[in-house]
């Protein structure tokens, strides 16, 4: 079985359910293993979240050979009363816009990718 993701302490702005839904929105044929890695969750946690989302009508899946194809129900309204009227499609649109803006920004100082070592340099 895969590694246990590094834990996070404290609170976050996005729930794990929102993170899983966003991962599925990006690739409807994604594997639970890949969702878990992206969201830094265990596969078991992702399975439970997918089950929750399906049970409440936010998500359905069909079996395509050995894989699942997920379908998000975009018109479904978010559950919290403070989010009344905001649909899943609206939330996913905001998250997609955020990801696009993040990907377009230059890296922050100190977050540059590690440089590859030159194998001929003898290191």
PDB file of N, CA and C in Angstrom:
ATOM      1  N   UNK A   1       0.841  -1.175   0.000  1.00  0.00           N
ATOM      2  CA  UNK A   1       0.000   0.000   0.000  1.00  0.00           C
ATOM      3  C   UNK A   1       0.883   1.234   0.000  1.00  0.00           C
ATOM      4  N   UNK A   2       0.352   2.401  -0.404  1.00  0.00           N
ATOM      5  CA  UNK A   2       1.126   3.623  -0.525  1.00  0.00           C
ATOM      6  C   UNK A   2       1.531   4.208   0.811  1.00  0.00           C
ATOM      7  N   UNK A   3       2.394   5.191   0.723  1.00  0.00           N
ATOM      8  CA  UNK A   3       2.857   5.878   1.914  1.00  0.00           C
ATOM      9  C   UNK A   3       1.736   6.691   2.529  1.00  0.00           C
ATOM     10  N   UNK A   4       1.822   6.897   3.833  1.00  0.00           N
ATOM     11  CA  UNK A   4       0.877   7.771   4.507  1.00  0.00           C
ATOM     12  C   UNK A   4       1.347   9.196   4.251  1.00  0.00           C
ATOM     13  N   UNK A   5       0.453  10.064   3.757  1.00  0.00           N
ATOM     14  CA  UNK A   5       0.863  11.433   3.468  1.00  0.00           C
ATOM     15  C   UNK A   5       1.297  12.160   4.729  1.00  0.00           C
ATOM     16  N   UNK A   6       2.121  13.189   4.531  1.00  0.00           N
ATOM     17  CA  UNK A   6       2.542  13.986   5.672  1.00  0.00           C
ATOM     18  C   UNK A   6       1.316  14.666   6.261  1.00  0.00           C
ATOM     19  N   UNK A   7       1.254  14.733   7.565  1.00  0.00           N
ATOM     20  CA  UNK A   7       0.072  15.271   8.226  1.00  0.00           C
ATOM     21  C   UNK A   7       0.112  16.785   8.244  1.00  0.00           C
ATOM     22  N   UNK A   8      -1.049  17.356   8.399  1.00  0.00           N
ATOM     23  CA  UNK A   8      -1.186  18.797   8.502  1.00  0.00           C
ATOM     24  C   UNK A   8      -1.887  19.103   9.812  1.00  0.00           C
ATOM     25  N   UNK A   9      -1.370  20.048  10.544  1.00  0.00           N
ATOM     26  CA  UNK A   9      -2.034  20.449  11.774  1.00  0.00           C
ATOM     27  C   UNK A   9      -2.628  21.831  11.588  1.00  0.00           C
ATOM     28  N   UNK A  10      -3.651  22.107  12.304  1.00  0.00           N
ATOM     29  CA  UNK A  10      -4.316  23.397  12.176  1.00  0.00           C
ATOM     30  C   UNK A  10      -5.433  23.334  11.154  1.00  0.00           C
ATOM     31  N   UNK A  11      -6.045  24.459  10.931  1.00  0.00           N
ATOM     32  CA  UNK A  11      -7.186  24.500  10.018  1.00  0.00           C
ATOM     33  C   UNK A  11      -6.754  24.972   8.636  1.00  0.00           C
ATOM     34  N   UNK A  12      -7.604  24.730   7.667  1.00  0.00           N
ATOM     35  CA  UNK A  12      -7.356  25.177   6.300  1.00  0.00           C
ATOM     36  C   UNK A  12      -8.631  25.815   5.761  1.00  0.00           C
ATOM     37  N   UNK A  13      -8.503  26.566   4.682  1.00  0.00           N
ATOM     38  CA  UNK A  13      -9.673  27.213   4.100  1.00  0.00           C
ATOM     39  C   UNK A  13     -10.539  26.248   3.316  1.00  0.00           C
ATOM     40  N   UNK A  14      -9.931  25.267   2.676  1.00  0.00           N
ATOM     41  CA  UNK A  14     -10.684  24.304   1.883  1.00  0.00           C
ATOM     42  C   UNK A  14     -10.821  22.996   2.641  1.00  0.00           C
ATOM     43  N   UNK A  15     -11.991  22.408   2.543  1.00  0.00           N
ATOM     44  CA  UNK A  15     -12.188  21.099   3.163  1.00  0.00           C
ATOM     45  C   UNK A  15     -11.584  20.020   2.272  1.00  0.00           C
ATOM     46  N   UNK A  16     -11.384  18.857   2.847  1.00  0.00           N
ATOM     47  CA  UNK A  16     -10.900  17.724   2.058  1.00  0.00           C
ATOM     48  C   UNK A  16     -11.916  17.344   0.985  1.00  0.00           C
ATOM     49  N   UNK A  17     -13.200  17.520   1.277  1.00  0.00           N
ATOM     50  CA  UNK A  17     -14.230  17.222   0.288  1.00  0.00           C
ATOM     51  C   UNK A  17     -14.077  18.135  -0.931  1.00  0.00           C
ATOM     52  N   UNK A  18     -13.806  19.416  -0.703  1.00  0.00           N
ATOM     53  CA  UNK A  18     -13.611  20.356  -1.818  1.00  0.00           C
ATOM     54  C   UNK A  18     -12.361  19.997  -2.602  1.00  0.00           C
ATOM     55  N   UNK A  19     -11.304  19.601  -1.909  1.00  0.00           N
ATOM     56  CA  UNK A  19     -10.061  19.230  -2.595  1.00  0.00           C
ATOM     57  C   UNK A  19     -10.270  18.003  -3.484  1.00  0.00           C
ATOM     58  N   UNK A  20     -10.969  17.008  -2.974  1.00  0.00           N
ATOM     59  CA  UNK A  20     -11.230  15.787  -3.753  1.00  0.00           C
ATOM     60  C   UNK A  20     -12.107  16.118  -4.960  1.00  0.00           C
ATOM     61  N   UNK A  21     -13.132  16.921  -4.743  1.00  0.00           N
ATOM     62  CA  UNK A  21     -14.012  17.300  -5.845  1.00  0.00           C
ATOM     63  C   UNK A  21     -13.237  18.053  -6.921  1.00  0.00           C
ATOM     64  N   UNK A  22     -12.335  18.943  -6.526  1.00  0.00           N
ATOM     65  CA  UNK A  22     -11.523  19.692  -7.490  1.00  0.00           C
ATOM     66  C   UNK A  22     -10.595  18.761  -8.268  1.00  0.00           C
ATOM     67  N   UNK A  23     -10.032  17.760  -7.587  1.00  0.00           N
ATOM     68  CA  UNK A  23      -9.157  16.802  -8.272  1.00  0.00           C
ATOM     69  C   UNK A  23      -9.949  16.007  -9.310  1.00  0.00           C
ATOM     70  N   UNK A  24     -11.158  15.642  -8.969  1.00  0.00           N
ATOM     71  CA  UNK A  24     -12.002  14.896  -9.909  1.00  0.00           C
ATOM     72  C   UNK A  24     -12.423  15.797 -11.067  1.00  0.00           C
ATOM     73  N   UNK A  25     -12.705  17.067 -10.782  1.00  0.00           N
ATOM     74  CA  UNK A  25     -13.092  18.002 -11.845  1.00  0.00           C
ATOM     75  C   UNK A  25     -11.964  18.157 -12.861  1.00  0.00           C
ATOM     76  N   UNK A  26     -10.732  18.089 -12.388  1.00  0.00           N
ATOM     77  CA  UNK A  26      -9.580  18.221 -13.287  1.00  0.00           C
ATOM     78  C   UNK A  26      -9.412  16.995 -14.180  1.00  0.00           C
ATOM     79  N   UNK A  27      -9.758  15.811 -13.655  1.00  0.00           N
ATOM     80  CA  UNK A  27      -9.624  14.578 -14.431  1.00  0.00           C
ATOM     81  C   UNK A  27     -10.685  13.590 -13.957  1.00  0.00           C
ATOM     82  N   UNK A  28     -11.737  13.442 -14.750  1.00  0.00           N
ATOM     83  CA  UNK A  28     -12.864  12.585 -14.355  1.00  0.00           C
ATOM     84  C   UNK A  28     -12.517  11.106 -14.329  1.00  0.00           C
ATOM     85  N   UNK A  29     -11.367  10.730 -14.870  1.00  0.00           N
ATOM     86  CA  UNK A  29     -10.952   9.331 -14.871  1.00  0.00           C
ATOM     87  C   UNK A  29      -9.794   9.074 -13.903  1.00  0.00           C
ATOM     88  N   UNK A  30      -9.545  10.015 -13.029  1.00  0.00           N
ATOM     89  CA  UNK A  30      -8.423   9.898 -12.106  1.00  0.00           C
ATOM     90  C   UNK A  30      -8.615   8.733 -11.139  1.00  0.00           C
ATOM     91  N   UNK A  31      -7.503   8.182 -10.707  1.00  0.00           N
ATOM     92  CA  UNK A  31      -7.553   7.066  -9.755  1.00  0.00           C
ATOM     93  C   UNK A  31      -7.566   7.592  -8.326  1.00  0.00           C
ATOM     94  N   UNK A  32      -8.146   6.817  -7.432  1.00  0.00           N
ATOM     95  CA  UNK A  32      -8.181   7.178  -6.015  1.00  0.00           C
ATOM     96  C   UNK A  32      -6.764   7.402  -5.505  1.00  0.00           C
ATOM     97  N   UNK A  33      -5.840   6.588  -5.940  1.00  0.00           N
ATOM     98  CA  UNK A  33      -4.439   6.727  -5.528  1.00  0.00           C
ATOM     99  C   UNK A  33      -3.903   8.103  -5.910  1.00  0.00           C
ATOM    100  N   UNK A  34      -4.236   8.574  -7.118  1.00  0.00           N
ATOM    101  CA  UNK A  34      -3.752   9.868  -7.579  1.00  0.00           C
ATOM    102  C   UNK A  34      -4.429  11.025  -6.838  1.00  0.00           C
ATOM    103  N   UNK A  35      -5.716  10.876  -6.557  1.00  0.00           N
ATOM    104  CA  UNK A  35      -6.423  11.890  -5.777  1.00  0.00           C
ATOM    105  C   UNK A  35      -5.791  11.991  -4.392  1.00  0.00           C
ATOM    106  N   UNK A  36      -5.524  10.847  -3.789  1.00  0.00           N
ATOM    107  CA  UNK A  36      -4.930  10.825  -2.450  1.00  0.00           C
ATOM    108  C   UNK A  36      -3.588  11.536  -2.438  1.00  0.00           C
ATOM    109  N   UNK A  37      -2.769  11.281  -3.436  1.00  0.00           N
ATOM    110  CA  UNK A  37      -1.454  11.922  -3.506  1.00  0.00           C
ATOM    111  C   UNK A  37      -1.599  13.430  -3.691  1.00  0.00           C
ATOM    112  N   UNK A  38      -2.474  13.831  -4.583  1.00  0.00           N
ATOM    113  CA  UNK A  38      -2.662  15.263  -4.847  1.00  0.00           C
ATOM    114  C   UNK A  38      -3.185  15.996  -3.618  1.00  0.00           C
ATOM    115  N   UNK A  39      -4.129  15.373  -2.919  1.00  0.00           N
ATOM    116  CA  UNK A  39      -4.779  16.026  -1.779  1.00  0.00           C
ATOM    117  C   UNK A  39      -4.068  15.761  -0.452  1.00  0.00           C
ATOM    118  N   UNK A  40      -3.014  14.934  -0.509  1.00  0.00           N
ATOM    119  CA  UNK A  40      -2.272  14.545   0.690  1.00  0.00           C
ATOM    120  C   UNK A  40      -3.175  13.896   1.732  1.00  0.00           C
ATOM    121  N   UNK A  41      -3.943  12.935   1.237  1.00  0.00           N
ATOM    122  CA  UNK A  41      -4.851  12.150   2.068  1.00  0.00           C
ATOM    123  C   UNK A  41      -4.536  10.681   1.863  1.00  0.00           C
ATOM    124  N   UNK A  42      -5.067   9.849   2.725  1.00  0.00           N
ATOM    125  CA  UNK A  42      -4.935   8.416   2.511  1.00  0.00           C
ATOM    126  C   UNK A  42      -5.973   7.978   1.480  1.00  0.00           C
ATOM    127  N   UNK A  43      -5.724   6.858   0.838  1.00  0.00           N
ATOM    128  CA  UNK A  43      -6.686   6.337  -0.134  1.00  0.00           C
ATOM    129  C   UNK A  43      -8.015   6.028   0.542  1.00  0.00           C
ATOM    130  N   UNK A  44      -7.938   5.525   1.763  1.00  0.00           N
ATOM    131  CA  UNK A  44      -9.164   5.217   2.506  1.00  0.00           C
ATOM    132  C   UNK A  44      -9.992   6.477   2.756  1.00  0.00           C
ATOM    133  N   UNK A  45      -9.320   7.584   3.106  1.00  0.00           N
ATOM    134  CA  UNK A  45     -10.032   8.849   3.329  1.00  0.00           C
ATOM    135  C   UNK A  45     -10.690   9.323   2.044  1.00  0.00           C
ATOM    136  N   UNK A  46      -9.994   9.192   0.911  1.00  0.00           N
ATOM    137  CA  UNK A  46     -10.555   9.603  -0.378  1.00  0.00           C
ATOM    138  C   UNK A  46     -11.770   8.743  -0.718  1.00  0.00           C
ATOM    139  N   UNK A  47     -11.694   7.446  -0.481  1.00  0.00           N
ATOM    140  CA  UNK A  47     -12.837   6.569  -0.737  1.00  0.00           C
ATOM    141  C   UNK A  47     -14.049   7.009   0.079  1.00  0.00           C
ATOM    142  N   UNK A  48     -13.833   7.367   1.332  1.00  0.00           N
ATOM    143  CA  UNK A  48     -14.930   7.809   2.206  1.00  0.00           C
ATOM    144  C   UNK A  48     -15.523   9.121   1.695  1.00  0.00           C
ATOM    145  N   UNK A  49     -14.663  10.044   1.288  1.00  0.00           N
ATOM    146  CA  UNK A  49     -15.136  11.335   0.780  1.00  0.00           C
ATOM    147  C   UNK A  49     -15.938  11.143  -0.504  1.00  0.00           C
ATOM    148  N   UNK A  50     -15.445  10.299  -1.399  1.00  0.00           N
ATOM    149  CA  UNK A  50     -16.184  10.018  -2.637  1.00  0.00           C
ATOM    150  C   UNK A  50     -17.543   9.417  -2.315  1.00  0.00           C
ATOM    151  N   UNK A  51     -17.572   8.521  -1.351  1.00  0.00           N
ATOM    152  CA  UNK A  51     -18.834   7.926  -0.918  1.00  0.00           C
ATOM    153  C   UNK A  51     -19.791   8.997  -0.382  1.00  0.00           C
ATOM    154  N   UNK A  52     -19.283   9.910   0.439  1.00  0.00           N
ATOM    155  CA  UNK A  52     -20.102  11.016   0.954  1.00  0.00           C
ATOM    156  C   UNK A  52     -20.664  11.849  -0.188  1.00  0.00           C
ATOM    157  N   UNK A  53     -19.803  12.208  -1.143  1.00  0.00           N
ATOM    158  CA  UNK A  53     -20.222  13.052  -2.258  1.00  0.00           C
ATOM    159  C   UNK A  53     -21.264  12.352  -3.128  1.00  0.00           C
ATOM    160  N   UNK A  54     -21.098  11.043  -3.320  1.00  0.00           N
ATOM    161  CA  UNK A  54     -22.088  10.289  -4.098  1.00  0.00           C
ATOM    162  C   UNK A  54     -23.405  10.173  -3.337  1.00  0.00           C
ATOM    163  N   UNK A  55     -23.325   9.895  -2.070  1.00  0.00           N
ATOM    164  CA  UNK A  55     -24.528   9.724  -1.250  1.00  0.00           C
ATOM    165  C   UNK A  55     -25.383  10.987  -1.241  1.00  0.00           C
ATOM    166  N   UNK A  56     -24.741  12.148  -1.261  1.00  0.00           N
ATOM    167  CA  UNK A  56     -25.479  13.407  -1.208  1.00  0.00           C
ATOM    168  C   UNK A  56     -25.752  14.015  -2.588  1.00  0.00           C
ATOM    169  N   UNK A  57     -25.445  13.265  -3.663  1.00  0.00           N
ATOM    170  CA  UNK A  57     -25.829  13.674  -5.001  1.00  0.00           C
ATOM    171  C   UNK A  57     -24.899  14.645  -5.707  1.00  0.00           C
ATOM    172  N   UNK A  58     -23.699  14.845  -5.178  1.00  0.00           N
ATOM    173  CA  UNK A  58     -22.744  15.743  -5.814  1.00  0.00           C
ATOM    174  C   UNK A  58     -21.938  15.053  -6.906  1.00  0.00           C
ATOM    175  N   UNK A  59     -21.917  13.741  -6.886  1.00  0.00           N
ATOM    176  CA  UNK A  59     -21.014  12.976  -7.734  1.00  0.00           C
ATOM    177  C   UNK A  59     -21.645  11.628  -8.042  1.00  0.00           C
ATOM    178  N   UNK A  60     -21.415  11.144  -9.265  1.00  0.00           N
ATOM    179  CA  UNK A  60     -21.774   9.766  -9.616  1.00  0.00           C
ATOM    180  C   UNK A  60     -20.563   9.164 -10.320  1.00  0.00           C
ATOM    181  N   UNK A  61     -20.558   7.853 -10.422  1.00  0.00           N
ATOM    182  CA  UNK A  61     -19.483   7.209 -11.170  1.00  0.00           C
ATOM    183  C   UNK A  61     -20.032   6.031 -11.946  1.00  0.00           C
ATOM    184  N   UNK A  62     -19.361   5.743 -13.051  1.00  0.00           N
ATOM    185  CA  UNK A  62     -19.653   4.544 -13.823  1.00  0.00           C
ATOM    186  C   UNK A  62     -18.343   3.807 -14.014  1.00  0.00           C
ATOM    187  N   UNK A  63     -18.449   2.513 -14.066  1.00  0.00           N
ATOM    188  CA  UNK A  63     -17.272   1.675 -14.234  1.00  0.00           C
ATOM    189  C   UNK A  63     -16.932   1.599 -15.714  1.00  0.00           C
ATOM    190  N   UNK A  64     -15.690   1.902 -16.063  1.00  0.00           N
ATOM    191  CA  UNK A  64     -15.185   1.813 -17.428  1.00  0.00           C
ATOM    192  C   UNK A  64     -14.019   0.835 -17.415  1.00  0.00           C
ATOM    193  N   UNK A  65     -14.314  -0.440 -17.622  1.00  0.00           N
ATOM    194  CA  UNK A  65     -13.262  -1.453 -17.533  1.00  0.00           C
ATOM    195  C   UNK A  65     -12.762  -1.565 -16.103  1.00  0.00           C
ATOM    196  N   UNK A  66     -11.471  -1.272 -15.915  1.00  0.00           N
ATOM    197  CA  UNK A  66     -10.892  -1.360 -14.572  1.00  0.00           C
ATOM    198  C   UNK A  66     -10.870  -0.017 -13.848  1.00  0.00           C
ATOM    199  N   UNK A  67     -11.380   1.014 -14.494  1.00  0.00           N
ATOM    200  CA  UNK A  67     -11.343   2.342 -13.884  1.00  0.00           C
ATOM    201  C   UNK A  67     -12.753   2.896 -13.694  1.00  0.00           C
ATOM    202  N   UNK A  68     -12.836   3.942 -12.899  1.00  0.00           N
ATOM    203  CA  UNK A  68     -14.093   4.653 -12.706  1.00  0.00           C
ATOM    204  C   UNK A  68     -14.065   5.942 -13.503  1.00  0.00           C
ATOM    205  N   UNK A  69     -15.208   6.301 -14.041  1.00  0.00           N
ATOM    206  CA  UNK A  69     -15.367   7.619 -14.651  1.00  0.00           C
ATOM    207  C   UNK A  69     -16.358   8.363 -13.776  1.00  0.00           C
ATOM    208  N   UNK A  70     -15.913   9.500 -13.231  1.00  0.00           N
ATOM    209  CA  UNK A  70     -16.738  10.271 -12.318  1.00  0.00           C
ATOM    210  C   UNK A  70     -17.472  11.359 -13.073  1.00  0.00           C
ATOM    211  N   UNK A  71     -18.653  11.690 -12.596  1.00  0.00           N
ATOM    212  CA  UNK A  71     -19.425  12.797 -13.156  1.00  0.00           C
ATOM    213  C   UNK A  71     -19.883  13.661 -12.001  1.00  0.00           C
ATOM    214  N   UNK A  72     -19.487  14.924 -12.058  1.00  0.00           N
ATOM    215  CA  UNK A  72     -19.894  15.888 -11.042  1.00  0.00           C
ATOM    216  C   UNK A  72     -21.238  16.475 -11.461  1.00  0.00           C
ATOM    217  N   UNK A  73     -22.127  16.595 -10.520  1.00  0.00           N
ATOM    218  CA  UNK A  73     -23.435  17.206 -10.764  1.00  0.00           C
ATOM    219  C   UNK A  73     -23.287  18.708 -10.526  1.00  0.00           C
ATOM    220  N   UNK A  74     -23.049  19.502 -11.585  1.00  0.00           N
ATOM    221  CA  UNK A  74     -22.665  20.905 -11.432  1.00  0.00           C
ATOM    222  C   UNK A  74     -23.733  21.807 -10.817  1.00  0.00           C
ATOM    223  N   UNK A  75     -24.996  21.469 -10.972  1.00  0.00           N
ATOM    224  CA  UNK A  75     -26.062  22.318 -10.444  1.00  0.00           C
ATOM    225  C   UNK A  75     -26.343  22.113  -8.967  1.00  0.00           C
ATOM    226  N   UNK A  76     -25.687  21.148  -8.361  1.00  0.00           N
ATOM    227  CA  UNK A  76     -25.923  20.860  -6.949  1.00  0.00           C
ATOM    228  C   UNK A  76     -25.481  22.050  -6.113  1.00  0.00           C
ATOM    229  N   UNK A  77     -26.295  22.410  -5.143  1.00  0.00           N
ATOM    230  CA  UNK A  77     -26.039  23.568  -4.285  1.00  0.00           C
ATOM    231  C   UNK A  77     -25.200  23.131  -3.087  1.00  0.00           C
ATOM    232  N   UNK A  78     -24.266  23.994  -2.686  1.00  0.00           N
ATOM    233  CA  UNK A  78     -23.419  23.686  -1.530  1.00  0.00           C
ATOM    234  C   UNK A  78     -24.270  23.568  -0.269  1.00  0.00           C
ATOM    235  N   UNK A  79     -23.787  22.790   0.676  1.00  0.00           N
ATOM    236  CA  UNK A  79     -24.575  22.397   1.840  1.00  0.00           C
ATOM    237  C   UNK A  79     -24.718  23.448   2.930  1.00  0.00           C
ATOM    238  N   UNK A  80     -23.703  24.244   3.173  1.00  0.00           N
ATOM    239  CA  UNK A  80     -23.732  25.161   4.314  1.00  0.00           C
ATOM    240  C   UNK A  80     -24.694  26.320   4.056  1.00  0.00           C
ATOM    241  N   UNK A  81     -25.511  26.684   5.052  1.00  0.00           N
ATOM    242  CA  UNK A  81     -26.472  27.784   4.856  1.00  0.00           C
ATOM    243  C   UNK A  81     -25.807  29.104   4.434  1.00  0.00           C
ATOM    244  N   UNK A  82     -24.590  29.342   4.863  1.00  0.00           N
ATOM    245  CA  UNK A  82     -23.897  30.582   4.472  1.00  0.00           C
ATOM    246  C   UNK A  82     -23.536  30.580   2.992  1.00  0.00           C
ATOM    247  N   UNK A  83     -23.541  29.416   2.366  1.00  0.00           N
ATOM    248  CA  UNK A  83     -23.219  29.291   0.944  1.00  0.00           C
ATOM    249  C   UNK A  83     -24.473  29.154   0.091  1.00  0.00           C
ATOM    250  N   UNK A  84     -25.610  29.483   0.660  1.00  0.00           N
ATOM    251  CA  UNK A  84     -26.893  29.313  -0.031  1.00  0.00           C
ATOM    252  C   UNK A  84     -26.834  29.938  -1.426  1.00  0.00           C
ATOM    253  N   UNK A  85     -27.227  29.160  -2.407  1.00  0.00           N
ATOM    254  CA  UNK A  85     -27.264  29.627  -3.786  1.00  0.00           C
ATOM    255  C   UNK A  85     -25.979  29.384  -4.558  1.00  0.00           C
ATOM    256  N   UNK A  86     -24.883  29.074  -3.890  1.00  0.00           N
ATOM    257  CA  UNK A  86     -23.626  28.805  -4.596  1.00  0.00           C
ATOM    258  C   UNK A  86     -23.612  27.338  -5.021  1.00  0.00           C
ATOM    259  N   UNK A  87     -23.405  27.127  -6.302  1.00  0.00           N
ATOM    260  CA  UNK A  87     -23.417  25.757  -6.828  1.00  0.00           C
ATOM    261  C   UNK A  87     -22.021  25.165  -6.828  1.00  0.00           C
ATOM    262  N   UNK A  88     -21.979  23.857  -6.992  1.00  0.00           N
ATOM    263  CA  UNK A  88     -20.705  23.162  -7.125  1.00  0.00           C
ATOM    264  C   UNK A  88     -19.949  23.712  -8.327  1.00  0.00           C
ATOM    265  N   UNK A  89     -20.652  23.988  -9.409  1.00  0.00           N
ATOM    266  CA  UNK A  89     -19.997  24.535 -10.604  1.00  0.00           C
ATOM    267  C   UNK A  89     -19.349  25.880 -10.284  1.00  0.00           C
ATOM    268  N   UNK A  90     -20.013  26.715  -9.486  1.00  0.00           N
ATOM    269  CA  UNK A  90     -19.446  28.004  -9.099  1.00  0.00           C
ATOM    270  C   UNK A  90     -18.186  27.842  -8.261  1.00  0.00           C
ATOM    271  N   UNK A  91     -18.223  26.909  -7.316  1.00  0.00           N
ATOM    272  CA  UNK A  91     -17.050  26.643  -6.485  1.00  0.00           C
ATOM    273  C   UNK A  91     -15.892  26.146  -7.331  1.00  0.00           C
ATOM    274  N   UNK A  92     -16.155  25.195  -8.203  1.00  0.00           N
ATOM    275  CA  UNK A  92     -15.097  24.640  -9.048  1.00  0.00           C
ATOM    276  C   UNK A  92     -14.531  25.695  -9.986  1.00  0.00           C
ATOM    277  N   UNK A  93     -15.372  26.596 -10.464  1.00  0.00           N
ATOM    278  CA  UNK A  93     -14.909  27.682 -11.319  1.00  0.00           C
ATOM    279  C   UNK A  93     -13.947  28.591 -10.559  1.00  0.00           C
ATOM    280  N   UNK A  94     -14.275  28.911  -9.319  1.00  0.00           N
ATOM    281  CA  UNK A  94     -13.381  29.733  -8.497  1.00  0.00           C
ATOM    282  C   UNK A  94     -12.050  29.037  -8.258  1.00  0.00           C
ATOM    283  N   UNK A  95     -12.101  27.748  -7.960  1.00  0.00           N
ATOM    284  CA  UNK A  95     -10.871  26.998  -7.718  1.00  0.00           C
ATOM    285  C   UNK A  95     -10.023  26.899  -8.984  1.00  0.00           C
ATOM    286  N   UNK A  96     -10.669  26.713 -10.126  1.00  0.00           N
ATOM    287  CA  UNK A  96      -9.943  26.633 -11.395  1.00  0.00           C
ATOM    288  C   UNK A  96      -9.277  27.975 -11.712  1.00  0.00           C
ATOM    289  N   UNK A  97      -9.994  29.073 -11.454  1.00  0.00           N
ATOM    290  CA  UNK A  97      -9.425  30.403 -11.676  1.00  0.00           C
ATOM    291  C   UNK A  97      -8.215  30.612 -10.768  1.00  0.00           C
ATOM    292  N   UNK A  98      -8.325  30.189  -9.514  1.00  0.00           N
ATOM    293  CA  UNK A  98      -7.208  30.315  -8.572  1.00  0.00           C
ATOM    294  C   UNK A  98      -6.009  29.519  -9.067  1.00  0.00           C
ATOM    295  N   UNK A  99      -6.233  28.287  -9.504  1.00  0.00           N
ATOM    296  CA  UNK A  99      -5.131  27.445  -9.995  1.00  0.00           C
ATOM    297  C   UNK A  99      -4.464  28.061 -11.211  1.00  0.00           C
ATOM    298  N   UNK A 100      -5.264  28.625 -12.115  1.00  0.00           N
ATOM    299  CA  UNK A 100      -4.703  29.253 -13.316  1.00  0.00           C
ATOM    300  C   UNK A 100      -3.834  30.445 -12.950  1.00  0.00           C
ATOM    301  N   UNK A 101      -4.297  31.257 -12.020  1.00  0.00           N
ATOM    302  CA  UNK A 101      -3.528  32.425 -11.594  1.00  0.00           C
ATOM    303  C   UNK A 101      -2.252  32.003 -10.870  1.00  0.00           C
ATOM    304  N   UNK A 102      -2.349  30.969 -10.044  1.00  0.00           N
ATOM    305  CA  UNK A 102      -1.185  30.468  -9.311  1.00  0.00           C
ATOM    306  C   UNK A 102      -0.139  29.932 -10.275  1.00  0.00           C
ATOM    307  N   UNK A 103      -0.582  29.197 -11.271  1.00  0.00           N
ATOM    308  CA  UNK A 103       0.349  28.610 -12.237  1.00  0.00           C
ATOM    309  C   UNK A 103       1.007  29.670 -13.119  1.00  0.00           C
ATOM    310  N   UNK A 104       0.346  30.811 -13.307  1.00  0.00           N
ATOM    311  CA  UNK A 104       0.884  31.868 -14.159  1.00  0.00           C
ATOM    312  C   UNK A 104       1.893  32.746 -13.423  1.00  0.00           C
ATOM    313  N   UNK A 105       1.874  32.727 -12.092  1.00  0.00           N
ATOM    314  CA  UNK A 105       2.788  33.563 -11.304  1.00  0.00           C
ATOM    315  C   UNK A 105       4.183  32.989 -11.309  1.00  0.00           C
ATOM    316  N   UNK A 106       5.196  33.884 -11.298  1.00  0.00           N
ATOM    317  CA  UNK A 106       6.570  33.377 -11.144  1.00  0.00           C
ATOM    318  C   UNK A 106       6.739  32.820  -9.729  1.00  0.00           C
ATOM    319  N   UNK A 107       7.658  31.877  -9.533  1.00  0.00           N
ATOM    320  CA  UNK A 107       7.846  31.296  -8.204  1.00  0.00           C
ATOM    321  C   UNK A 107       8.286  32.356  -7.203  1.00  0.00           C
ATOM    322  N   UNK A 108       7.830  32.206  -5.977  1.00  0.00           N
ATOM    323  CA  UNK A 108       8.233  33.105  -4.893  1.00  0.00           C
ATOM    324  C   UNK A 108       9.686  32.856  -4.554  1.00  0.00           C
ATOM    325  N   UNK A 109      10.375  33.873  -4.031  1.00  0.00           N
ATOM    326  CA  UNK A 109      11.770  33.652  -3.626  1.00  0.00           C
ATOM    327  C   UNK A 109      11.852  32.512  -2.611  1.00  0.00           C
ATOM    328  N   UNK A 110      12.845  31.681  -2.780  1.00  0.00           N
ATOM    329  CA  UNK A 110      13.025  30.550  -1.861  1.00  0.00           C
ATOM    330  C   UNK A 110      12.225  29.321  -2.226  1.00  0.00           C
ATOM    331  N   UNK A 111      11.396  29.411  -3.286  1.00  0.00           N
ATOM    332  CA  UNK A 111      10.597  28.253  -3.686  1.00  0.00           C
ATOM    333  C   UNK A 111      10.973  27.768  -5.066  1.00  0.00           C
ATOM    334  N   UNK A 112      12.146  28.161  -5.537  1.00  0.00           N
ATOM    335  CA  UNK A 112      12.579  27.731  -6.860  1.00  0.00           C
ATOM    336  C   UNK A 112      12.816  26.228  -6.861  1.00  0.00           C
ATOM    337  N   UNK A 113      12.542  25.581  -7.986  1.00  0.00           N
ATOM    338  CA  UNK A 113      12.778  24.133  -8.046  1.00  0.00           C
ATOM    339  C   UNK A 113      14.262  23.813  -7.894  1.00  0.00           C
ATOM    340  N   UNK A 114      14.521  22.662  -7.315  1.00  0.00           N
ATOM    341  CA  UNK A 114      15.914  22.234  -7.131  1.00  0.00           C
ATOM    342  C   UNK A 114      16.562  22.029  -8.495  1.00  0.00           C
ATOM    343  N   UNK A 115      17.794  22.440  -8.603  1.00  0.00           N
ATOM    344  CA  UNK A 115      18.519  22.258  -9.858  1.00  0.00           C
ATOM    345  C   UNK A 115      19.026  20.831  -9.942  1.00  0.00           C
ATOM    346  N   UNK A 116      19.010  20.317 -11.160  1.00  0.00           N
ATOM    347  CA  UNK A 116      19.521  18.961 -11.365  1.00  0.00           C
ATOM    348  C   UNK A 116      21.039  18.960 -11.218  1.00  0.00           C
ATOM    349  N   UNK A 117      21.522  17.890 -10.661  1.00  0.00           N
ATOM    350  CA  UNK A 117      22.953  17.748 -10.531  1.00  0.00           C
ATOM    351  C   UNK A 117      23.523  17.264 -11.858  1.00  0.00           C
ATOM    352  N   UNK A 118      24.698  17.736 -12.167  1.00  0.00           N
ATOM    353  CA  UNK A 118      25.365  17.343 -13.394  1.00  0.00           C
ATOM    354  C   UNK A 118      26.107  16.032 -13.106  1.00  0.00           C
ATOM    355  N   UNK A 119      25.674  14.937 -13.761  1.00  0.00           N
ATOM    356  CA  UNK A 119      26.317  13.652 -13.467  1.00  0.00           C
ATOM    357  C   UNK A 119      27.782  13.633 -13.867  1.00  0.00           C
ATOM    358  N   UNK A 120      28.192  14.502 -14.754  1.00  0.00           N
ATOM    359  CA  UNK A 120      29.594  14.526 -15.191  1.00  0.00           C
ATOM    360  C   UNK A 120      30.460  15.352 -14.256  1.00  0.00           C
ATOM    361  N   UNK A 121      29.845  16.063 -13.338  1.00  0.00           N
ATOM    362  CA  UNK A 121      30.617  16.922 -12.446  1.00  0.00           C
ATOM    363  C   UNK A 121      31.262  16.126 -11.315  1.00  0.00           C
ATOM    364  N   UNK A 122      30.927  14.852 -11.208  1.00  0.00           N
ATOM    365  CA  UNK A 122      31.547  14.013 -10.190  1.00  0.00           C
ATOM    366  C   UNK A 122      30.947  14.172  -8.806  1.00  0.00           C
ATOM    367  N   UNK A 123      29.709  14.646  -8.726  1.00  0.00           N
ATOM    368  CA  UNK A 123      29.051  14.811  -7.419  1.00  0.00           C
ATOM    369  C   UNK A 123      28.252  13.599  -7.057  1.00  0.00           C
TER     370      UNK A 123
END
